[in-house]
Each structure stands twice: as structure tokens, then as C-alpha cells.
């Protein structure tokens, strides 16, 4: 749970860079997404070569990991397109339908037990997310559906993290999926640019500063998601899913510090509810662990 919470606090930094590049750097969301996966490979490949071992480039489930990359690539593209037009905190708030989807998948397909208290905590946390955004289709139009599509694709990606087991190391999984994501986004970028779609316009970094930002973007993506993969090997999906609400904290701070999007009172109320629901999940797990340890069977 600590690994998951830490990763969730780091990942909005990646999204803030993507928004900055799309808003001020003159770079399309499709191009930013491609560089995100390209520089992820740049950052993780040296580690794979040095500590990955002889089987690092021979994944036991290559096609499943490539599929993870395609799903992750599609989710990232939708998210980066959304943050170009909407405040970070608002995009995250809509995106937080994802824990509902992920928890339902874990219960339906993996047989994980989800108690009513955990369902209630997830629902309360999602209610807090709705307070943060105060969603209105009339305000955001079709753009407001982009984070929903992202949530669905990313929940499938996280589901595969758990479902494919421990055949490959997190480093190998992240490198292979990064390669799959780069290929998928590269193809989409070429086709979208050929079709004249503005959000797929091809471009190169305009300065050394932009190049450094993209390198940080790839590093945050690669290593933070390795923490996520590791966390999902150590705990059930239904337990870890609510900790994604912690992303709203970093997103709100970065949104204000970089883009001047200061949350109003109701958004702070929503953030408090989100954090409270995550802490309740943590407390319930500690109570359940103590009961299992004290049982005669244990």
C-alpha cells in the first residue's frame, strides 16, 4: 500500500509535464505521448541491461506485455489530450471512475473478496472526486469523455498486471510494455498526422529545456509504474485501487503551482473526502490482518 501511494503521488508530475508541453511547448498530445514511451525506454533500458539478467530480454509472456503497452498507450493518449484542454484536478476527478471498474473486475474475474465496507469507502471516495470536479457535460462537452475512456483502458492495463502473475520481473514487464506502447502510439501519430488532426501533429523538442522535461517525463513514467507493478504483486486489486485517489493531491498542487488552477472550497472538501476514504481502506486492512493473525487457523 505504501508503494502504491508513493507511486500515485509521483505520477501526476508526468501529467503536469505533458500539459505544460501541450500548452506552452507547442507539442501535440500525440507527440507528447510518443516521447513519453520513447524516453521511458531510454530510462529503463540501461537498468535492464545491467541488472535484468540473462532472461531479461526473453519475457515469458511477451504478447501479454505488449498488450499491456498498447492499453497503456491508448490510455495515456486520451489523458494527455484531456489535460491539454482541462485543469489537471478536473481530469483526475473524472478519471476516478476507474477504481470502480477495477474493483468490479477483480471481484468478477479474479475471485477477490470485496467487503461492503470497502465498497462503501470506494463509493465515498468517488463521491469526493465528483465534488472536486462538479462535472457538467454542458461545460466540457465531448472532451469530458476522454478521461472516462482513459479510465477504462487503464483499468484493463492494471488488471493484466495482476492477472499475468509473476512470470516476468517488473523491470522486464515495464520495458516490454513500453516498447509496445511506443509502437502503438507511433503508428497512431503517423496516421493522425496524415489525416490532418491537430492533436497528432509531428514535432521535435524546441529546446534543451524541453528535452530535459521529456526525459523526466519518461523517467517518472517508467519507474513509478514499476512501483505499481510491484505493489499489485503484493496486494489485491480491490485493496490498492482506492489509493489511486491520492493522485488528486499532487495534481491539485501542480495545477495551482504551474497553471494557476486554484481549487475552490468545494474542491478542498472533495479532496479531504478522497484522502479520508483511502485512509479508511488502510485502517480496515490493518484490522483484518490483525484478526487473521489472531485466528486459531493462523
Foldseek 3Di string as FASTA:
>chain_A
DVLLLVLLLLQVLLLLLLLCCLAPVVAFLLQLLLLLLVLLLVQLVVVCVPPVDPCLQPFPCLPLLLLLLQLLLLLSSLLSNLSNPDALLLLLLLLLVLLVVLLVCCCPPVVDDDDPLLVVLSVLLNVLSCLQNVDDCVVCPPSSCSSVSSSVSVSVSLVSLQVVAPRHQLSSSLNSSSVSSSVNSVVVLVVCVVVVPSSSPDDDRPDPVSVVSSSVSSNSVNPSVSSSSVVCNVDPSSLSSLSSLSSSVSSQVSSCVPVNPHGDPSSVVSNVSSVVSNVVSVVVVVVVVVVVVPDPVD
